[in-house]
Amino acid sequence: MLDVFSKIVKEALEAQQKEFTSLVEEATEWLCRENSTIGNMEVLGRLIRLKPAGKALVIGDLHGDLESLIDIVKGSNFMEQIQKGTVARLIFLGDYGDRGPYSAEIYYTVLKLKLLYPEQVLLLRGNHEFFWIRGGTDDLTPSPHDLPMQFEVRFGKNSSEAYACIRRLFDCLYTAALVEGQYLLVHGGIPKEAKTVHDFAFANADYPRNHFLEDIVWSDPDETIVETSSSPRGAGKLFGAAVTTRVLQELGVKIIVRGHEPCEEGYKINHAGKVLTLFSRKGAPYFNSFGGYLEVDLSAEFRGAEELVPCIHKF
């Protein structure tokens, strides 16, 4: 008999356009309704605040790599912990689709998990779940943004409906998660001017009036600058250690956990242990040797990302 996760993956592989669209619409409605509290989590705008308790499995960019997601979930035995009622969180850092061949299946799987375990599954927004608003129009997210073409191949003539639904989902995904006293989890980086959790919580609502949302999903840490400089990505910024130190102090946490950047070893550390990057997929077009994910006890105190290395699993 198939376990719950295997059943979800099987559904994802077999889902037709109507089934996919129905699931995305249900998940979008659910996510947009989440407010105030979810279990022992506090929702503020598009930020989730967590108490430092229980375990967390943190997964970085997947980009349509279904095999890596299966490896992570099966290898961690995390579903068993969730089903037993253990205080456990499954946290995705964004970038679910594009570039890999199973984008629709990844979206289906993570959204189904969210609907089944709403208090335990957290879905953050990546730069591939973001569209610029410039000159009064929506521009495409990063190049290549091949999701529309993937959907056309996957769903045929009704692909535009599935794509429109997934775009509506993006604004309901969380911008950040904050584990009190310990971690700030985002997809990309931090705005230089951020001073409170409200700057992360309401970045969606303030965009495009200010650049905070773009910085959160697009920016990268850099070791050669102190403050910020323009990013070669054409969006977001490169931010230096001084920015990291200042924002972490303002938020009262110690470590930024992020995705967004390919890592040969599946992870990397920046800014004297204040920034940990996770990259959880393998293969073209990145060709990294390892993917990585974090499995950590949120109640344990760590002074820097170097101390988290034993909690990082490479595959």
Protein backbone atom coordinates (compact mmCIF):
# COMPACT_ATOMS: atom_id res chain seq x y z
CA MET A 1 0.00 0.00 0.00
CA LEU A 2 1.30 3.44 -0.90
CA ASP A 3 2.09 5.86 1.93
CA VAL A 4 0.47 9.30 1.99
CA PHE A 5 3.34 11.11 0.31
CA SER A 6 3.65 8.50 -2.46
CA LYS A 7 -0.08 8.82 -3.10
CA ILE A 8 0.28 12.59 -3.43
CA VAL A 9 3.14 12.22 -5.92
CA LYS A 10 1.12 9.69 -7.92
CA GLU A 11 -1.81 12.11 -7.99
CA ALA A 12 0.52 14.90 -9.10
CA LEU A 13 1.87 12.86 -12.00
CA GLU A 14 -1.61 11.84 -13.14
CA ALA A 15 -3.54 15.10 -12.51
CA GLN A 16 -5.34 16.60 -15.47
CA GLN A 17 -5.86 20.33 -15.95
CA LYS A 18 -9.18 20.49 -14.08
CA GLU A 19 -7.79 18.59 -11.08
CA PHE A 20 -4.67 20.73 -11.00
CA THR A 21 -6.61 23.99 -11.30
CA SER A 22 -9.09 22.95 -8.62
CA LEU A 23 -6.28 22.15 -6.19
CA VAL A 24 -4.48 25.45 -6.86
CA GLU A 25 -7.70 27.42 -6.37
CA GLU A 26 -8.44 25.63 -3.09
CA ALA A 27 -4.91 26.19 -1.81
CA THR A 28 -4.96 29.85 -2.84
CA GLU A 29 -8.21 30.43 -1.00
CA TRP A 30 -6.84 28.66 2.08
CA LEU A 31 -3.55 30.58 2.11
CA CYS A 32 -5.27 33.93 1.65
CA ARG A 33 -7.59 33.14 4.58
CA GLU A 34 -4.76 32.36 6.97
CA ASN A 35 -4.48 35.15 9.50
CA SER A 36 -3.96 35.80 13.19
CA THR A 37 -2.96 32.32 14.35
CA ILE A 38 -2.49 28.86 12.84
CA GLY A 39 -1.99 26.43 15.67
CA ASN A 40 0.89 27.91 17.66
CA MET A 41 2.04 30.09 14.74
CA GLU A 42 1.23 33.76 14.40
CA VAL A 43 0.39 35.20 11.00
CA LEU A 44 1.17 38.86 10.37
CA GLY A 45 0.46 39.93 6.82
CA ARG A 46 2.55 37.55 4.74
CA LEU A 47 4.96 36.70 7.57
CA ILE A 48 4.75 33.64 9.81
CA ARG A 49 6.15 33.96 13.33
CA LEU A 50 7.12 30.68 15.01
CA LYS A 51 8.00 29.84 18.56
CA PRO A 52 11.42 28.17 18.91
CA ALA A 53 9.95 24.71 19.48
CA GLY A 54 9.76 21.44 17.60
CA LYS A 55 11.60 20.27 14.52
CA ALA A 56 11.81 21.86 11.09
CA LEU A 57 12.70 20.47 7.70
CA VAL A 58 13.79 23.38 5.51
CA ILE A 59 13.91 22.87 1.73
CA GLY A 60 15.48 25.29 -0.73
CA ASP A 61 14.90 25.74 -4.46
CA LEU A 62 13.34 22.76 -6.27
CA HIS A 63 12.76 24.17 -9.78
CA GLY A 64 10.69 21.28 -11.02
CA ASP A 65 13.01 18.58 -9.66
CA LEU A 66 10.51 16.03 -8.38
CA GLU A 67 13.15 13.36 -7.81
CA SER A 68 14.99 15.58 -5.33
CA LEU A 69 11.79 16.37 -3.45
CA ILE A 70 11.05 12.65 -3.16
CA ASP A 71 14.62 11.98 -1.98
CA ILE A 72 14.33 14.67 0.70
CA VAL A 73 10.94 13.65 2.06
CA LYS A 74 11.70 9.93 2.01
CA GLY A 75 15.24 10.36 3.33
CA SER A 76 14.18 12.56 6.23
CA ASN A 77 11.24 10.39 7.39
CA PHE A 78 9.60 13.73 8.09
CA MET A 79 6.14 12.67 6.99
CA GLU A 80 6.09 10.07 9.73
CA GLN A 81 6.83 12.76 12.30
CA ILE A 82 4.05 14.99 10.96
CA GLN A 83 1.52 12.16 10.92
CA LYS A 84 2.36 11.20 14.49
CA GLY A 85 1.41 14.69 15.63
CA THR A 86 4.98 15.64 16.50
CA VAL A 87 5.59 19.40 16.62
CA ALA A 88 7.25 19.59 13.21
CA ARG A 89 7.34 22.08 10.35
CA LEU A 90 7.98 21.50 6.67
CA ILE A 91 9.25 24.83 5.33
CA PHE A 92 9.79 25.51 1.63
CA LEU A 93 11.89 28.54 0.68
CA GLY A 94 10.31 29.11 -2.74
CA ASP A 95 11.17 28.57 -6.42
CA TYR A 96 9.02 25.50 -6.95
CA GLY A 97 8.79 25.70 -10.75
CA ASP A 98 10.70 26.65 -13.91
CA ARG A 99 13.77 25.00 -15.41
CA GLY A 100 13.07 21.45 -14.21
CA PRO A 101 10.63 19.16 -16.07
CA TYR A 102 8.14 18.59 -13.23
CA SER A 103 7.07 22.10 -12.26
CA ALA A 104 3.33 21.36 -12.27
CA GLU A 105 3.92 18.22 -10.21
CA ILE A 106 6.00 20.11 -7.64
CA TYR A 107 3.30 22.76 -7.24
CA TYR A 108 0.64 20.07 -6.93
CA THR A 109 2.62 18.14 -4.31
CA VAL A 110 3.50 21.05 -2.04
CA LEU A 111 0.00 22.53 -2.24
CA LYS A 112 -1.59 19.18 -1.43
CA LEU A 113 0.74 18.87 1.56
CA LYS A 114 -0.32 22.34 2.66
CA LEU A 115 -4.02 21.46 2.48
CA LEU A 116 -3.52 18.19 4.35
CA TYR A 117 -1.26 19.66 7.05
CA PRO A 118 -1.97 23.41 7.16
CA GLU A 119 -0.40 23.95 10.59
CA GLN A 120 2.81 22.17 9.65
CA VAL A 121 3.58 23.15 6.04
CA LEU A 122 4.86 26.66 5.25
CA LEU A 123 5.24 27.88 1.68
CA LEU A 124 7.46 30.90 1.06
CA ARG A 125 7.56 32.94 -2.10
CA GLY A 126 10.58 32.80 -4.41
CA ASN A 127 11.64 35.06 -7.24
CA HIS A 128 10.07 32.55 -9.64
CA GLU A 129 6.77 33.29 -7.89
CA PHE A 130 7.15 37.01 -8.46
CA PHE A 131 6.29 39.40 -11.27
CA TRP A 132 7.68 42.90 -11.57
CA ILE A 133 5.24 45.76 -11.84
CA ARG A 134 7.05 48.39 -13.85
CA GLY A 135 5.55 51.10 -15.96
CA GLY A 136 2.07 50.04 -14.89
CA THR A 137 2.36 46.54 -16.37
CA ASP A 138 3.42 43.10 -15.19
CA ASP A 139 6.75 42.01 -16.60
CA LEU A 140 7.87 38.42 -16.56
CA THR A 141 9.81 36.93 -13.70
CA PRO A 142 13.36 35.63 -14.34
CA SER A 143 14.57 34.40 -17.66
CA PRO A 144 13.95 31.71 -18.62
CA HIS A 145 10.41 31.66 -17.27
CA ASP A 146 9.34 28.47 -19.00
CA LEU A 147 6.33 27.67 -16.82
CA PRO A 148 3.77 28.72 -19.48
CA MET A 149 5.44 26.42 -22.02
CA GLN A 150 5.65 23.58 -19.51
CA PHE A 151 1.96 23.97 -18.73
CA GLU A 152 1.11 23.98 -22.44
CA VAL A 153 2.91 20.66 -22.90
CA ARG A 154 1.44 19.24 -19.68
CA PHE A 155 -2.17 20.46 -19.99
CA GLY A 156 -2.69 21.18 -23.68
CA LYS A 157 -5.26 23.70 -24.89
CA ASN A 158 -6.49 24.54 -21.37
CA SER A 159 -3.02 25.37 -20.05
CA SER A 160 -3.72 29.11 -19.86
CA GLU A 161 -6.35 28.54 -17.16
CA ALA A 162 -3.88 26.53 -15.06
CA TYR A 163 -1.22 29.19 -15.53
CA ALA A 164 -3.59 32.01 -14.55
CA CYS A 165 -4.49 30.13 -11.36
CA ILE A 166 -0.88 29.55 -10.38
CA ARG A 167 -0.14 33.24 -10.88
CA ARG A 168 -2.97 34.18 -8.52
CA LEU A 169 -1.44 31.84 -5.96
CA PHE A 170 1.86 33.74 -5.88
CA ASP A 171 0.55 36.75 -3.94
CA CYS A 172 -0.75 34.46 -1.20
CA LEU A 173 2.58 32.74 -0.53
CA TYR A 174 4.50 33.90 2.53
CA THR A 175 7.24 36.47 2.17
CA ALA A 176 9.15 35.36 5.27
CA ALA A 177 9.09 33.22 8.38
CA LEU A 178 10.66 34.25 11.67
CA VAL A 179 11.65 31.82 14.42
CA GLU A 180 11.80 34.00 17.52
CA GLY A 181 15.35 34.59 18.70
CA GLN A 182 16.84 32.30 16.09
CA TYR A 183 16.13 32.54 12.35
CA LEU A 184 14.76 34.69 9.57
CA LEU A 185 13.76 32.52 6.62
CA VAL A 186 13.39 34.17 3.21
CA HIS A 187 13.95 33.16 -0.38
CA GLY A 188 16.59 35.68 -1.40
CA GLY A 189 17.71 38.42 0.92
CA ILE A 190 16.89 41.43 3.02
CA PRO A 191 16.10 45.09 2.32
CA LYS A 192 18.83 47.39 3.59
CA GLU A 193 16.25 49.67 5.23
CA ALA A 194 14.24 46.93 6.99
CA LYS A 195 13.78 47.64 10.68
CA THR A 196 10.84 45.56 11.91
CA VAL A 197 8.95 42.38 11.06
CA HIS A 198 6.29 44.64 9.50
CA ASP A 199 8.73 45.46 6.69
CA PHE A 200 8.68 41.77 5.74
CA ALA A 201 5.07 41.08 6.65
CA PHE A 202 3.61 43.81 4.44
CA ALA A 203 6.17 43.90 1.64
CA ASN A 204 3.50 42.50 -0.71
CA ALA A 205 1.04 45.24 0.16
CA ASP A 206 3.68 47.96 -0.26
CA TYR A 207 4.92 46.76 -3.65
CA PRO A 208 5.66 48.46 -6.02
CA ARG A 209 5.60 51.62 -3.86
CA ASN A 210 8.81 50.38 -2.28
CA HIS A 211 11.35 47.75 -3.26
CA PHE A 212 11.23 45.53 -0.18
CA LEU A 213 9.44 42.61 -1.82
CA GLU A 214 11.84 42.64 -4.75
CA ASP A 215 14.82 42.66 -2.37
CA ILE A 216 13.41 39.80 -0.29
CA VAL A 217 12.89 37.44 -3.22
CA TRP A 218 15.79 38.53 -5.45
CA SER A 219 18.80 39.68 -3.41
CA ASP A 220 22.03 37.80 -2.63
CA PRO A 221 24.72 38.10 0.07
CA ASP A 222 28.13 39.26 -1.06
CA GLU A 223 31.49 39.18 0.73
CA THR A 224 33.13 42.02 -1.19
CA ILE A 225 30.81 44.89 -0.26
CA VAL A 226 29.80 46.45 3.05
CA GLU A 227 26.31 47.78 2.34
CA THR A 228 24.59 47.15 -1.02
CA SER A 229 25.28 47.31 -4.73
CA SER A 230 23.39 46.50 -7.91
CA SER A 231 22.84 42.84 -8.66
CA PRO A 232 23.95 41.14 -11.87
CA ARG A 233 20.53 39.47 -11.85
CA GLY A 234 18.97 42.78 -12.85
CA ALA A 235 16.65 42.76 -9.81
CA GLY A 236 17.21 42.91 -6.08
CA LYS A 237 20.62 43.82 -4.71
CA LEU A 238 23.86 42.38 -3.47
CA PHE A 239 23.98 42.99 0.27
CA GLY A 240 27.03 43.05 2.50
CA ALA A 241 27.74 41.84 6.02
CA ALA A 242 26.93 45.21 7.58
CA VAL A 243 23.37 44.99 6.24
CA THR A 244 22.99 41.45 7.52
CA THR A 245 24.27 42.34 10.99
CA ARG A 246 22.04 45.40 11.27
CA VAL A 247 18.82 43.71 10.12
CA LEU A 248 19.38 40.64 12.29
CA GLN A 249 19.85 42.90 15.31
CA GLU A 250 16.68 44.82 14.49
CA LEU A 251 14.68 41.57 14.26
CA GLY A 252 16.31 39.93 17.28
CA VAL A 253 17.44 36.80 15.41
CA LYS A 254 20.83 35.27 14.67
CA ILE A 255 20.83 33.59 11.25
CA ILE A 256 19.24 34.17 7.84
CA VAL A 257 18.25 30.91 6.15
CA ARG A 258 17.65 31.36 2.42
CA GLY A 259 17.67 29.69 -0.98
CA HIS A 260 17.97 31.37 -4.39
CA GLU A 261 21.62 30.54 -5.21
CA PRO A 262 22.94 27.31 -6.70
CA CYS A 263 25.50 25.69 -4.37
CA GLU A 264 27.93 23.02 -5.48
CA GLU A 265 27.70 21.28 -2.11
CA GLY A 266 24.00 21.93 -1.62
CA TYR A 267 24.64 24.75 0.85
CA LYS A 268 26.98 27.65 1.58
CA ILE A 269 27.66 30.05 4.43
CA ASN A 270 28.20 33.81 4.21
CA HIS A 271 28.80 36.82 6.44
CA ALA A 272 30.72 35.07 9.22
CA GLY A 273 28.01 32.49 9.78
CA LYS A 274 25.05 34.87 9.71
CA VAL A 275 23.69 33.62 6.35
CA LEU A 276 22.99 30.02 5.34
CA THR A 277 21.98 29.23 1.75
CA LEU A 278 20.25 25.94 0.88
CA PHE A 279 19.82 24.64 -2.66
CA SER A 280 17.70 21.50 -2.78
CA ARG A 281 17.72 20.39 -6.40
CA LYS A 282 20.30 18.86 -8.72
CA GLY A 283 20.94 18.54 -12.41
CA ALA A 284 20.62 20.78 -15.46
CA PRO A 285 20.93 23.69 -15.80
CA TYR A 286 22.88 23.95 -12.52
CA PHE A 287 24.91 20.72 -12.43
CA ASN A 288 25.68 21.01 -8.73
CA SER A 289 27.14 17.81 -7.27
CA PHE A 290 24.84 17.81 -4.24
CA GLY A 291 21.49 19.12 -3.13
CA GLY A 292 21.05 20.08 0.50
CA TYR A 293 18.32 20.53 3.08
CA LEU A 294 18.23 21.43 6.75
CA GLU A 295 16.67 19.34 9.51
CA VAL A 296 16.89 21.19 12.80
CA ASP A 297 15.43 21.32 16.28
CA LEU A 298 14.06 24.85 16.51
CA SER A 299 14.45 24.88 20.30
CA ALA A 300 18.22 24.37 20.04
CA GLU A 301 20.29 27.54 20.13
CA PHE A 302 22.97 28.09 17.50
CA ARG A 303 25.32 31.06 17.40
CA GLY A 304 26.02 30.82 13.69
CA ALA A 305 25.47 28.79 10.55
CA GLU A 306 28.70 26.83 11.02
CA GLU A 307 27.08 25.15 14.01
CA LEU A 308 24.17 24.11 11.78
CA VAL A 309 26.36 22.13 9.38
CA PRO A 310 25.76 18.79 11.21
CA CYS A 311 22.03 19.43 10.64
CA ILE A 312 22.45 19.83 6.88
CA HIS A 313 21.82 16.73 4.80
CA LYS A 314 23.46 16.39 1.38
CA PHE A 315 22.09 14.05 -1.25
